[in-house]
């Protein structure tokens, strides 16, 4: 049996996503961290909400927010 794990990052505003790296190993240790690093390289931002949770926002949504100001 072979297991494959993949962790993608989805924008909490528009649901766009960055495809993360997959692994063929028997565990998924560190995949979330790798996916977040790839998203940040693509211009995404992780921010903390007033409720204390995190939201991941894509580059396009960040630009829309900046242009509204």
PDB file of N, CA and C in Angstrom:
ATOM      1  N   UNK A   1       0.848  -1.162   0.000  1.00  0.00           N
ATOM      2  CA  UNK A   1       0.000   0.000   0.000  1.00  0.00           C
ATOM      3  C   UNK A   1       0.902   1.236   0.000  1.00  0.00           C
ATOM      4  N   UNK A   2       0.495   2.236  -0.757  1.00  0.00           N
ATOM      5  CA  UNK A   2       1.233   3.504  -0.794  1.00  0.00           C
ATOM      6  C   UNK A   2       0.297   4.633  -0.386  1.00  0.00           C
ATOM      7  N   UNK A   3       0.787   5.497   0.461  1.00  0.00           N
ATOM      8  CA  UNK A   3       0.010   6.659   0.886  1.00  0.00           C
ATOM      9  C   UNK A   3       0.601   7.910   0.271  1.00  0.00           C
ATOM     10  N   UNK A   4      -0.264   8.819  -0.100  1.00  0.00           N
ATOM     11  CA  UNK A   4       0.172  10.100  -0.645  1.00  0.00           C
ATOM     12  C   UNK A   4      -0.601  11.205   0.055  1.00  0.00           C
ATOM     13  N   UNK A   5       0.114  12.194   0.558  1.00  0.00           N
ATOM     14  CA  UNK A   5      -0.516  13.329   1.236  1.00  0.00           C
ATOM     15  C   UNK A   5      -0.208  14.601   0.465  1.00  0.00           C
ATOM     16  N   UNK A   6      -1.149  15.516   0.465  1.00  0.00           N
ATOM     17  CA  UNK A   6      -0.934  16.827  -0.133  1.00  0.00           C
ATOM     18  C   UNK A   6      -1.722  17.851   0.668  1.00  0.00           C
ATOM     19  N   UNK A   7      -1.118  18.999   0.893  1.00  0.00           N
ATOM     20  CA  UNK A   7      -1.768  20.058   1.663  1.00  0.00           C
ATOM     21  C   UNK A   7      -1.800  21.313   0.805  1.00  0.00           C
ATOM     22  N   UNK A   8      -2.998  21.787   0.457  1.00  0.00           N
ATOM     23  CA  UNK A   8      -3.164  22.995  -0.345  1.00  0.00           C
ATOM     24  C   UNK A   8      -3.613  24.139   0.561  1.00  0.00           C
ATOM     25  N   UNK A   9      -3.372  25.368   0.131  1.00  0.00           N
ATOM     26  CA  UNK A   9      -3.801  26.545   0.880  1.00  0.00           C
ATOM     27  C   UNK A   9      -4.911  27.233   0.105  1.00  0.00           C
ATOM     28  N   UNK A  10      -6.066  27.434   0.749  1.00  0.00           N
ATOM     29  CA  UNK A  10      -7.219  28.077   0.125  1.00  0.00           C
ATOM     30  C   UNK A  10      -7.423  29.465   0.706  1.00  0.00           C
ATOM     31  N   UNK A  11      -7.773  30.423  -0.159  1.00  0.00           N
ATOM     32  CA  UNK A  11      -8.070  31.786   0.280  1.00  0.00           C
ATOM     33  C   UNK A  11      -9.401  31.776   1.028  1.00  0.00           C
ATOM     34  N   UNK A  12      -9.427  32.401   2.191  1.00  0.00           N
ATOM     35  CA  UNK A  12     -10.648  32.436   2.994  1.00  0.00           C
ATOM     36  C   UNK A  12     -11.661  33.452   2.484  1.00  0.00           C
ATOM     37  N   UNK A  13     -11.297  34.239   1.474  1.00  0.00           N
ATOM     38  CA  UNK A  13     -12.226  35.221   0.915  1.00  0.00           C
ATOM     39  C   UNK A  13     -12.817  34.723  -0.405  1.00  0.00           C
ATOM     40  N   UNK A  14     -11.975  34.347  -1.363  1.00  0.00           N
ATOM     41  CA  UNK A  14     -12.476  33.979  -2.695  1.00  0.00           C
ATOM     42  C   UNK A  14     -12.351  32.488  -3.021  1.00  0.00           C
ATOM     43  N   UNK A  15     -11.745  31.700  -2.161  1.00  0.00           N
ATOM     44  CA  UNK A  15     -11.560  30.253  -2.335  1.00  0.00           C
ATOM     45  C   UNK A  15     -10.555  29.881  -3.411  1.00  0.00           C
ATOM     46  N   UNK A  16      -9.770  30.837  -3.897  1.00  0.00           N
ATOM     47  CA  UNK A  16      -8.663  30.509  -4.794  1.00  0.00           C
ATOM     48  C   UNK A  16      -7.683  29.654  -3.995  1.00  0.00           C
ATOM     49  N   UNK A  17      -6.808  28.908  -4.666  1.00  0.00           N
ATOM     50  CA  UNK A  17      -5.887  28.083  -3.898  1.00  0.00           C
ATOM     51  C   UNK A  17      -4.512  28.004  -4.535  1.00  0.00           C
ATOM     52  N   UNK A  18      -3.547  27.680  -3.678  1.00  0.00           N
ATOM     53  CA  UNK A  18      -2.187  27.380  -4.099  1.00  0.00           C
ATOM     54  C   UNK A  18      -1.982  25.906  -3.814  1.00  0.00           C
ATOM     55  N   UNK A  19      -1.586  25.170  -4.836  1.00  0.00           N
ATOM     56  CA  UNK A  19      -1.374  23.741  -4.675  1.00  0.00           C
ATOM     57  C   UNK A  19      -0.080  23.508  -3.916  1.00  0.00           C
ATOM     58  N   UNK A  20      -0.160  22.733  -2.851  1.00  0.00           N
ATOM     59  CA  UNK A  20       1.020  22.432  -2.047  1.00  0.00           C
ATOM     60  C   UNK A  20       1.799  21.271  -2.626  1.00  0.00           C
ATOM     61  N   UNK A  21       2.921  21.016  -2.015  1.00  0.00           N
ATOM     62  CA  UNK A  21       3.734  19.882  -2.426  1.00  0.00           C
ATOM     63  C   UNK A  21       3.176  18.617  -1.791  1.00  0.00           C
ATOM     64  N   UNK A  22       3.239  17.547  -2.505  1.00  0.00           N
ATOM     65  CA  UNK A  22       2.765  16.280  -1.972  1.00  0.00           C
ATOM     66  C   UNK A  22       3.920  15.443  -1.466  1.00  0.00           C
ATOM     67  N   UNK A  23       3.604  14.347  -0.819  1.00  0.00           N
ATOM     68  CA  UNK A  23       4.624  13.430  -0.340  1.00  0.00           C
ATOM     69  C   UNK A  23       4.138  12.001  -0.537  1.00  0.00           C
ATOM     70  N   UNK A  24       5.050  11.127  -0.770  1.00  0.00           N
ATOM     71  CA  UNK A  24       4.735   9.703  -0.890  1.00  0.00           C
ATOM     72  C   UNK A  24       5.097   8.965   0.393  1.00  0.00           C
ATOM     73  N   UNK A  25       5.463   9.702   1.429  1.00  0.00           N
ATOM     74  CA  UNK A  25       5.869   9.083   2.682  1.00  0.00           C
ATOM     75  C   UNK A  25       4.649   8.694   3.499  1.00  0.00           C
ATOM     76  N   UNK A  26       4.848   7.899   4.506  1.00  0.00           N
ATOM     77  CA  UNK A  26       3.754   7.404   5.327  1.00  0.00           C
ATOM     78  C   UNK A  26       3.206   8.390   6.332  1.00  0.00           C
ATOM     79  N   UNK A  27       3.706   9.613   6.345  1.00  0.00           N
ATOM     80  CA  UNK A  27       3.148  10.609   7.263  1.00  0.00           C
ATOM     81  C   UNK A  27       3.106  11.964   6.569  1.00  0.00           C
ATOM     82  N   UNK A  28       2.372  12.870   7.167  1.00  0.00           N
ATOM     83  CA  UNK A  28       2.184  14.189   6.558  1.00  0.00           C
ATOM     84  C   UNK A  28       2.864  15.290   7.375  1.00  0.00           C
ATOM     85  N   UNK A  29       3.863  14.923   8.162  1.00  0.00           N
ATOM     86  CA  UNK A  29       4.548  15.903   9.010  1.00  0.00           C
ATOM     87  C   UNK A  29       5.107  17.054   8.188  1.00  0.00           C
ATOM     88  N   UNK A  30       4.770  18.266   8.592  1.00  0.00           N
ATOM     89  CA  UNK A  30       5.337  19.454   7.969  1.00  0.00           C
ATOM     90  C   UNK A  30       4.696  19.911   6.678  1.00  0.00           C
ATOM     91  N   UNK A  31       3.701  19.200   6.162  1.00  0.00           N
ATOM     92  CA  UNK A  31       3.097  19.596   4.887  1.00  0.00           C
ATOM     93  C   UNK A  31       2.364  20.922   4.990  1.00  0.00           C
ATOM     94  N   UNK A  32       1.674  21.161   6.095  1.00  0.00           N
ATOM     95  CA  UNK A  32       0.965  22.432   6.271  1.00  0.00           C
ATOM     96  C   UNK A  32       1.921  23.604   6.259  1.00  0.00           C
ATOM     97  N   UNK A  33       3.049  23.430   6.904  1.00  0.00           N
ATOM     98  CA  UNK A  33       4.068  24.473   6.936  1.00  0.00           C
ATOM     99  C   UNK A  33       4.613  24.730   5.528  1.00  0.00           C
ATOM    100  N   UNK A  34       4.865  23.663   4.782  1.00  0.00           N
ATOM    101  CA  UNK A  34       5.366  23.802   3.408  1.00  0.00           C
ATOM    102  C   UNK A  34       4.348  24.494   2.514  1.00  0.00           C
ATOM    103  N   UNK A  35       3.075  24.141   2.667  1.00  0.00           N
ATOM    104  CA  UNK A  35       2.025  24.755   1.846  1.00  0.00           C
ATOM    105  C   UNK A  35       1.918  26.244   2.141  1.00  0.00           C
ATOM    106  N   UNK A  36       2.017  26.614   3.403  1.00  0.00           N
ATOM    107  CA  UNK A  36       1.945  28.028   3.772  1.00  0.00           C
ATOM    108  C   UNK A  36       3.145  28.795   3.221  1.00  0.00           C
ATOM    109  N   UNK A  37       4.326  28.188   3.253  1.00  0.00           N
ATOM    110  CA  UNK A  37       5.517  28.837   2.701  1.00  0.00           C
ATOM    111  C   UNK A  37       5.362  29.071   1.200  1.00  0.00           C
ATOM    112  N   UNK A  38       4.808  28.097   0.482  1.00  0.00           N
ATOM    113  CA  UNK A  38       4.584  28.262  -0.955  1.00  0.00           C
ATOM    114  C   UNK A  38       3.579  29.377  -1.226  1.00  0.00           C
ATOM    115  N   UNK A  39       2.540  29.450  -0.411  1.00  0.00           N
ATOM    116  CA  UNK A  39       1.535  30.504  -0.577  1.00  0.00           C
ATOM    117  C   UNK A  39       2.153  31.880  -0.333  1.00  0.00           C
ATOM    118  N   UNK A  40       2.980  31.993   0.688  1.00  0.00           N
ATOM    119  CA  UNK A  40       3.626  33.277   0.979  1.00  0.00           C
ATOM    120  C   UNK A  40       4.558  33.690  -0.160  1.00  0.00           C
ATOM    121  N   UNK A  41       5.231  32.729  -0.761  1.00  0.00           N
ATOM    122  CA  UNK A  41       6.083  33.033  -1.920  1.00  0.00           C
ATOM    123  C   UNK A  41       5.260  33.551  -3.092  1.00  0.00           C
ATOM    124  N   UNK A  42       3.995  33.128  -3.167  1.00  0.00           N
ATOM    125  CA  UNK A  42       3.100  33.571  -4.241  1.00  0.00           C
ATOM    126  C   UNK A  42       2.389  34.880  -3.888  1.00  0.00           C
ATOM    127  N   UNK A  43       2.755  35.503  -2.759  1.00  0.00           N
ATOM    128  CA  UNK A  43       2.185  36.795  -2.400  1.00  0.00           C
ATOM    129  C   UNK A  43       1.014  36.742  -1.435  1.00  0.00           C
ATOM    130  N   UNK A  44       0.732  35.575  -0.882  1.00  0.00           N
ATOM    131  CA  UNK A  44      -0.367  35.441   0.062  1.00  0.00           C
ATOM    132  C   UNK A  44       0.045  35.950   1.433  1.00  0.00           C
ATOM    133  N   UNK A  45      -0.960  36.168   2.286  1.00  0.00           N
ATOM    134  CA  UNK A  45      -0.703  36.633   3.638  1.00  0.00           C
ATOM    135  C   UNK A  45      -1.600  35.875   4.612  1.00  0.00           C
ATOM    136  N   UNK A  46      -1.042  35.511   5.747  1.00  0.00           N
ATOM    137  CA  UNK A  46      -1.829  34.902   6.825  1.00  0.00           C
ATOM    138  C   UNK A  46      -1.993  35.966   7.896  1.00  0.00           C
ATOM    139  N   UNK A  47      -3.235  36.180   8.305  1.00  0.00           N
ATOM    140  CA  UNK A  47      -3.478  37.193   9.333  1.00  0.00           C
ATOM    141  C   UNK A  47      -4.432  36.645  10.383  1.00  0.00           C
ATOM    142  N   UNK A  48      -4.345  37.239  11.543  1.00  0.00           N
ATOM    143  CA  UNK A  48      -5.183  36.817  12.671  1.00  0.00           C
ATOM    144  C   UNK A  48      -6.429  37.690  12.715  1.00  0.00           C
ATOM    145  N   UNK A  49      -7.584  37.064  12.876  1.00  0.00           N
ATOM    146  CA  UNK A  49      -8.852  37.793  12.930  1.00  0.00           C
ATOM    147  C   UNK A  49      -9.137  38.237  14.368  1.00  0.00           C
ATOM    148  N   UNK A  50     -10.155  39.066  14.528  1.00  0.00           N
ATOM    149  CA  UNK A  50     -10.553  39.528  15.858  1.00  0.00           C
ATOM    150  C   UNK A  50     -11.013  38.365  16.739  1.00  0.00           C
ATOM    151  N   UNK A  51     -11.511  37.312  16.112  1.00  0.00           N
ATOM    152  CA  UNK A  51     -11.976  36.135  16.857  1.00  0.00           C
ATOM    153  C   UNK A  51     -10.817  35.244  17.308  1.00  0.00           C
ATOM    154  N   UNK A  52      -9.591  35.585  16.898  1.00  0.00           N
ATOM    155  CA  UNK A  52      -8.428  34.806  17.302  1.00  0.00           C
ATOM    156  C   UNK A  52      -8.080  33.660  16.372  1.00  0.00           C
ATOM    157  N   UNK A  53      -8.771  33.550  15.238  1.00  0.00           N
ATOM    158  CA  UNK A  53      -8.454  32.514  14.259  1.00  0.00           C
ATOM    159  C   UNK A  53      -7.590  33.116  13.157  1.00  0.00           C
ATOM    160  N   UNK A  54      -7.039  32.271  12.329  1.00  0.00           N
ATOM    161  CA  UNK A  54      -6.219  32.736  11.220  1.00  0.00           C
ATOM    162  C   UNK A  54      -7.008  32.661   9.925  1.00  0.00           C
ATOM    163  N   UNK A  55      -6.722  33.577   9.021  1.00  0.00           N
ATOM    164  CA  UNK A  55      -7.279  33.490   7.675  1.00  0.00           C
ATOM    165  C   UNK A  55      -6.145  33.699   6.688  1.00  0.00           C
ATOM    166  N   UNK A  56      -6.187  32.923   5.627  1.00  0.00           N
ATOM    167  CA  UNK A  56      -5.208  33.030   4.555  1.00  0.00           C
ATOM    168  C   UNK A  56      -5.859  33.795   3.417  1.00  0.00           C
ATOM    169  N   UNK A  57      -5.165  34.831   2.929  1.00  0.00           N
ATOM    170  CA  UNK A  57      -5.726  35.706   1.906  1.00  0.00           C
ATOM    171  C   UNK A  57      -4.786  35.737   0.705  1.00  0.00           C
ATOM    172  N   UNK A  58      -5.348  35.521  -0.489  1.00  0.00           N
ATOM    173  CA  UNK A  58      -4.541  35.481  -1.705  1.00  0.00           C
ATOM    174  C   UNK A  58      -4.112  36.889  -2.133  1.00  0.00           C
ATOM    175  N   UNK A  59      -3.163  36.921  -3.029  1.00  0.00           N
ATOM    176  CA  UNK A  59      -2.603  38.186  -3.514  1.00  0.00           C
ATOM    177  C   UNK A  59      -3.679  39.055  -4.167  1.00  0.00           C
ATOM    178  N   UNK A  60      -4.570  38.445  -4.944  1.00  0.00           N
ATOM    179  CA  UNK A  60      -5.621  39.195  -5.631  1.00  0.00           C
ATOM    180  C   UNK A  60      -6.560  39.882  -4.632  1.00  0.00           C
ATOM    181  N   UNK A  61      -6.973  39.175  -3.594  1.00  0.00           N
ATOM    182  CA  UNK A  61      -7.859  39.766  -2.583  1.00  0.00           C
ATOM    183  C   UNK A  61      -7.142  40.853  -1.791  1.00  0.00           C
ATOM    184  N   UNK A  62      -5.857  40.661  -1.521  1.00  0.00           N
ATOM    185  CA  UNK A  62      -5.085  41.700  -0.833  1.00  0.00           C
ATOM    186  C   UNK A  62      -5.012  42.965  -1.678  1.00  0.00           C
ATOM    187  N   UNK A  63      -4.822  42.799  -2.990  1.00  0.00           N
ATOM    188  CA  UNK A  63      -4.763  43.957  -3.887  1.00  0.00           C
ATOM    189  C   UNK A  63      -6.114  44.672  -3.937  1.00  0.00           C
ATOM    190  N   UNK A  64      -7.214  43.912  -3.945  1.00  0.00           N
ATOM    191  CA  UNK A  64      -8.549  44.519  -3.944  1.00  0.00           C
ATOM    192  C   UNK A  64      -8.761  45.342  -2.676  1.00  0.00           C
ATOM    193  N   UNK A  65      -8.335  44.807  -1.535  1.00  0.00           N
ATOM    194  CA  UNK A  65      -8.473  45.531  -0.272  1.00  0.00           C
ATOM    195  C   UNK A  65      -7.645  46.812  -0.283  1.00  0.00           C
ATOM    196  N   UNK A  66      -6.456  46.749  -0.843  1.00  0.00           N
ATOM    197  CA  UNK A  66      -5.575  47.916  -0.909  1.00  0.00           C
ATOM    198  C   UNK A  66      -6.166  48.985  -1.817  1.00  0.00           C
ATOM    199  N   UNK A  67      -6.759  48.576  -2.926  1.00  0.00           N
ATOM    200  CA  UNK A  67      -7.335  49.530  -3.878  1.00  0.00           C
ATOM    201  C   UNK A  67      -8.599  50.191  -3.345  1.00  0.00           C
ATOM    202  N   UNK A  68      -9.299  49.549  -2.409  1.00  0.00           N
ATOM    203  CA  UNK A  68     -10.502  50.143  -1.817  1.00  0.00           C
ATOM    204  C   UNK A  68     -10.146  51.347  -0.948  1.00  0.00           C
ATOM    205  N   UNK A  69      -8.949  51.299  -0.364  1.00  0.00           N
ATOM    206  CA  UNK A  69      -8.537  52.385   0.548  1.00  0.00           C
ATOM    207  C   UNK A  69      -8.199  53.651  -0.182  1.00  0.00           C
TER     208      UNK A  69
END
